[in-house]
Amino acid sequence: MKLLESPEFEALNTSLCLDCGENKIMGRIEGYSCKMIGNEKQMYKKFNSEQGTTPHDLQALSPSQLYSFSPGQCNYISHSVSGDEENPLCDTISRKTLFYLIATLNASFPDYDFSHAKSHEFSKEPSLEWVMNSIDSNLSTAAGELYRAVRAKLWSAIENMIHLLNCEIYSYNPDLTSDPFSEDGTLWSFNYFFYNKKLKRIVFFTCRAINPMHVLDSGIGSDFTMDDEELSNDWQDVEN
């Protein structure tokens, strides 16, 4: 996966690292081309050969967090379809698209290996509106006016990169083992992939809130020692 340069994303990413008092916010938005680079072609062949699958074989996804029901209620099916809210059916994903999501995680977090991530750790989100509301709610609650002041700029930058209405949206909800989202002190996290098949691009938006006491105890608080004036200036830089 090739990282796509974006001055808009770079400016926003500076402002998505926030000291909010009750928690520390660590957010990042990145755009990737789905063109395989380096040893990804070999990894892709191995990814398919391990289970004797083809790029078009379908894997069952976990239900979106929009639905609240036990795994036993999930009806696994051989093609992608969603039922009504009272009896939702599981969506599916092709092996090729699943590989793109895993490769994006590996590119975004080079210190971790997501090669063995399974399809049930991912979900397909029901709508753009639901995802936007979820992101806005998390960040508005955590950062208040600091986020609301830059919200329009953030979604405009994502739209410019990926054309949101033409995207399938997936989320990564790991089993909390050896990945960056299971580290001690993590309060919540979201990880969304906006995949435009026609453009062959993915925008990955990851964000987590960390307990500030853990940040101080672990010695990583230096990255967030910014006073109120500095935080305000960062968000104003994005707005202008």
Protein backbone atom coordinates (compact mmCIF):
# COMPACT_ATOMS: atom_id res chain seq x y z
CA MET A 1 0.00 0.00 0.00
CA LYS A 2 1.43 3.35 -1.02
CA LEU A 3 0.93 6.29 1.33
CA LEU A 4 -0.61 9.22 -0.55
CA GLU A 5 0.79 12.59 0.43
CA SER A 6 -1.81 15.08 1.65
CA PRO A 7 -0.94 18.47 3.19
CA GLU A 8 -4.56 18.64 4.40
CA PHE A 9 -4.22 15.37 6.31
CA GLU A 10 -0.84 16.37 7.72
CA ALA A 11 -2.27 19.59 9.15
CA LEU A 12 -5.27 17.78 10.59
CA ASN A 13 -3.13 15.04 12.14
CA THR A 14 -1.18 17.62 14.12
CA SER A 15 -4.46 18.78 15.60
CA LEU A 16 -5.81 15.31 16.31
CA CYS A 17 -3.29 14.78 19.11
CA LEU A 18 -4.93 16.51 22.06
CA ASP A 19 -4.63 16.79 25.79
CA CYS A 20 -8.26 17.00 26.89
CA GLY A 21 -7.64 16.80 30.61
CA GLU A 22 -9.66 13.67 31.33
CA ASN A 23 -8.07 11.84 28.41
CA LYS A 24 -5.44 12.13 25.71
CA ILE A 25 -6.65 11.90 22.12
CA MET A 26 -4.38 10.32 19.50
CA GLY A 27 -5.94 10.57 16.03
CA ARG A 28 -4.59 10.11 12.54
CA ILE A 29 -5.97 10.17 8.99
CA GLU A 30 -4.01 8.64 6.10
CA GLY A 31 -4.72 7.96 2.44
CA TYR A 32 -3.37 4.87 0.66
CA SER A 33 -3.29 3.61 -2.88
CA CYS A 34 -4.28 -0.04 -3.15
CA LYS A 35 -1.30 -0.69 -5.41
CA MET A 36 0.78 -3.42 -3.83
CA ILE A 37 4.39 -2.42 -3.17
CA GLY A 38 7.49 -4.15 -1.85
CA ASN A 39 6.81 -7.73 -0.81
CA GLU A 40 3.03 -7.27 -0.65
CA LYS A 41 2.45 -9.31 -3.83
CA GLN A 42 4.20 -12.29 -2.24
CA MET A 43 2.26 -11.74 0.99
CA TYR A 44 -0.97 -11.61 -1.01
CA LYS A 45 -0.24 -14.94 -2.72
CA LYS A 46 0.55 -16.51 0.64
CA PHE A 47 -2.58 -14.96 2.16
CA ASN A 48 -4.75 -16.75 -0.42
CA SER A 49 -2.81 -20.01 -0.57
CA GLU A 50 -2.93 -20.62 3.19
CA GLN A 51 -6.65 -21.39 3.03
CA GLY A 52 -6.80 -22.43 -0.60
CA THR A 53 -8.90 -19.41 -1.46
CA THR A 54 -9.17 -17.08 -4.43
CA PRO A 55 -9.36 -13.25 -4.43
CA HIS A 56 -13.12 -13.42 -5.00
CA ASP A 57 -13.95 -15.90 -2.25
CA LEU A 58 -16.08 -14.33 0.46
CA GLN A 59 -15.45 -14.22 4.19
CA ALA A 60 -18.04 -13.44 6.89
CA LEU A 61 -17.66 -10.15 8.73
CA SER A 62 -18.81 -9.37 12.24
CA PRO A 63 -21.99 -7.29 12.52
CA SER A 64 -21.62 -3.56 12.77
CA GLN A 65 -21.67 -2.13 16.27
CA LEU A 66 -24.93 -0.51 15.20
CA TYR A 67 -26.56 -3.84 15.99
CA SER A 68 -26.61 -5.29 19.50
CA PHE A 69 -27.07 -9.04 19.58
CA SER A 70 -25.11 -12.11 20.52
CA PRO A 71 -22.87 -13.90 17.96
CA GLY A 72 -25.29 -16.81 17.92
CA GLN A 73 -27.90 -14.60 16.27
CA CYS A 74 -25.66 -13.92 13.29
CA ASN A 75 -26.75 -15.69 10.12
CA TYR A 76 -23.69 -16.36 7.96
CA ILE A 77 -24.47 -16.19 4.29
CA SER A 78 -22.72 -16.76 0.97
CA HIS A 79 -23.26 -13.30 -0.44
CA SER A 80 -23.32 -9.76 0.95
CA VAL A 81 -26.73 -8.70 2.18
CA SER A 82 -28.16 -6.99 5.26
CA GLY A 83 -31.47 -7.81 6.90
CA ASP A 84 -33.67 -5.56 8.96
CA GLU A 85 -32.62 -4.24 12.37
CA GLU A 86 -34.53 -6.97 14.23
CA ASN A 87 -32.76 -9.77 12.38
CA PRO A 88 -29.59 -8.43 10.74
CA LEU A 89 -27.55 -10.71 8.53
CA CYS A 90 -23.79 -10.71 8.41
CA ASP A 91 -22.07 -8.92 5.56
CA THR A 92 -19.19 -10.55 3.73
CA ILE A 93 -15.94 -9.35 2.22
CA SER A 94 -13.79 -10.65 -0.62
CA ARG A 95 -10.35 -12.00 0.24
CA LYS A 96 -8.80 -9.28 -1.91
CA THR A 97 -10.56 -6.44 -0.09
CA LEU A 98 -9.76 -8.05 3.27
CA PHE A 99 -6.11 -8.12 2.29
CA TYR A 100 -6.25 -4.41 1.44
CA LEU A 101 -7.57 -3.64 4.92
CA ILE A 102 -4.90 -5.77 6.61
CA ALA A 103 -2.16 -4.26 4.43
CA THR A 104 -3.39 -0.78 5.37
CA LEU A 105 -3.06 -1.66 9.07
CA ASN A 106 0.46 -2.99 8.50
CA ALA A 107 1.44 0.17 6.63
CA SER A 108 -0.09 2.47 9.24
CA PHE A 109 1.40 0.62 12.22
CA PRO A 110 4.79 -0.72 11.05
CA ASP A 111 5.72 -1.87 14.57
CA TYR A 112 2.86 -4.38 14.57
CA ASP A 113 1.99 -7.36 12.41
CA PHE A 114 -1.65 -7.72 11.41
CA SER A 115 -1.02 -10.49 8.88
CA HIS A 116 -3.07 -12.97 10.86
CA ALA A 117 -6.08 -10.72 11.38
CA LYS A 118 -9.35 -12.52 10.63
CA SER A 119 -12.43 -11.32 8.81
CA HIS A 120 -14.53 -11.48 12.01
CA GLU A 121 -12.37 -8.68 13.41
CA PHE A 122 -13.81 -6.36 10.74
CA SER A 123 -17.30 -5.04 10.11
CA LYS A 124 -18.99 -3.31 7.21
CA GLU A 125 -20.72 -0.15 8.37
CA PRO A 126 -24.35 0.43 7.36
CA SER A 127 -24.06 4.01 6.15
CA LEU A 128 -21.84 7.04 5.79
CA GLU A 129 -24.21 9.04 7.97
CA TRP A 130 -23.91 6.55 10.83
CA VAL A 131 -20.10 6.56 10.66
CA MET A 132 -19.88 10.34 10.54
CA ASN A 133 -22.24 10.63 13.51
CA SER A 134 -20.19 8.09 15.45
CA ILE A 135 -16.90 9.89 14.79
CA ASP A 136 -18.39 13.31 15.47
CA SER A 137 -19.94 12.10 18.72
CA ASN A 138 -16.69 10.60 20.04
CA LEU A 139 -14.54 13.59 19.19
CA SER A 140 -17.10 16.22 20.17
CA THR A 141 -17.52 14.59 23.56
CA ALA A 142 -13.75 14.35 24.09
CA ALA A 143 -12.56 17.63 22.54
CA GLY A 144 -15.65 19.84 22.57
CA GLU A 145 -15.37 23.09 20.65
CA LEU A 146 -11.82 22.27 19.55
CA TYR A 147 -13.21 19.50 17.37
CA ARG A 148 -16.43 21.20 16.34
CA ALA A 149 -14.44 24.18 15.04
CA VAL A 150 -12.49 22.00 12.62
CA ARG A 151 -15.10 19.36 11.78
CA ALA A 152 -16.02 20.82 8.37
CA LYS A 153 -12.37 21.02 7.33
CA LEU A 154 -11.79 17.41 8.37
CA TRP A 155 -14.68 15.94 6.36
CA SER A 156 -13.84 18.16 3.39
CA ALA A 157 -10.28 16.80 3.36
CA ILE A 158 -11.52 13.20 3.47
CA GLU A 159 -14.02 13.92 0.68
CA ASN A 160 -11.29 15.41 -1.50
CA MET A 161 -9.19 12.28 -1.11
CA ILE A 162 -11.78 9.51 -1.38
CA HIS A 163 -15.26 10.74 -2.61
CA LEU A 164 -17.24 9.53 0.38
CA LEU A 165 -20.53 8.72 -1.36
CA ASN A 166 -18.73 6.18 -3.55
CA CYS A 167 -17.12 4.36 -0.63
CA GLU A 168 -17.68 1.14 1.24
CA ILE A 169 -16.85 1.72 4.90
CA TYR A 170 -15.30 -0.91 7.13
CA SER A 171 -14.21 -0.85 10.75
CA TYR A 172 -11.57 -2.83 12.62
CA ASN A 173 -12.62 -4.16 16.01
CA PRO A 174 -9.75 -6.36 17.20
CA ASP A 175 -9.79 -9.14 19.74
CA LEU A 176 -7.51 -6.98 21.92
CA THR A 177 -4.38 -9.08 21.74
CA SER A 178 -1.06 -7.78 20.42
CA ASP A 179 -1.96 -4.57 18.63
CA PRO A 180 -1.79 -0.83 19.39
CA PHE A 181 -5.44 -0.71 20.47
CA SER A 182 -4.96 -3.14 23.37
CA GLU A 183 -2.22 -1.20 25.13
CA ASP A 184 -2.74 -0.42 28.81
CA GLY A 185 -4.54 2.85 29.36
CA THR A 186 -6.61 2.82 26.16
CA LEU A 187 -10.13 3.97 27.01
CA TRP A 188 -11.74 3.71 23.58
CA SER A 189 -10.75 3.63 19.95
CA PHE A 190 -12.23 3.65 16.47
CA ASN A 191 -10.67 2.51 13.23
CA TYR A 192 -12.50 3.20 9.97
CA PHE A 193 -11.54 2.37 6.39
CA PHE A 194 -13.18 4.36 3.59
CA TYR A 195 -12.63 2.20 0.51
CA ASN A 196 -13.27 3.55 -2.97
CA LYS A 197 -13.01 0.55 -5.27
CA LYS A 198 -13.10 2.64 -8.45
CA LEU A 199 -10.29 4.95 -7.31
CA LYS A 200 -8.44 2.00 -5.73
CA ARG A 201 -7.88 4.08 -2.62
CA ILE A 202 -8.42 3.72 1.10
CA VAL A 203 -8.60 6.47 3.70
CA PHE A 204 -7.83 5.12 7.15
CA PHE A 205 -9.05 7.14 10.13
CA THR A 206 -7.82 5.83 13.47
CA CYS A 207 -8.28 7.45 16.85
CA ARG A 208 -7.96 6.40 20.48
CA ALA A 209 -8.35 7.96 23.90
CA ILE A 210 -5.78 7.18 26.54
CA ASN A 211 -5.95 7.53 30.31
CA PRO A 212 -3.68 10.52 31.10
CA MET A 213 -2.39 8.86 34.26
CA HIS A 214 -1.13 5.96 32.18
CA VAL A 215 0.47 8.37 29.72
CA LEU A 216 2.41 10.02 32.54
CA ASP A 217 3.38 6.73 34.18
CA SER A 218 4.63 5.27 30.90
CA GLY A 219 6.72 8.32 30.07
CA ILE A 220 4.97 9.13 26.77
CA GLY A 221 3.28 12.24 28.08
CA SER A 222 5.99 14.48 26.60
CA ASP A 223 4.28 14.22 23.24
CA PHE A 224 1.23 15.93 24.70
CA THR A 225 2.70 18.63 26.95
CA MET A 226 0.94 21.45 25.17
CA ASP A 227 -0.76 24.29 26.95
CA ASP A 228 -4.20 25.61 26.05
CA GLU A 229 -2.78 28.37 23.85
CA GLU A 230 -0.71 25.91 21.80
CA LEU A 231 -3.69 23.58 21.33
CA SER A 232 -5.87 26.49 20.23
CA ASN A 233 -3.23 27.66 17.75
CA ASP A 234 -2.98 24.17 16.22
CA TRP A 235 -6.71 24.01 15.54
CA GLN A 236 -6.70 27.56 14.19
CA ASP A 237 -3.91 26.57 11.75
CA VAL A 238 -6.20 23.87 10.35
CA GLU A 239 -9.17 26.22 10.14
CA ASN A 240 -7.21 28.87 8.18
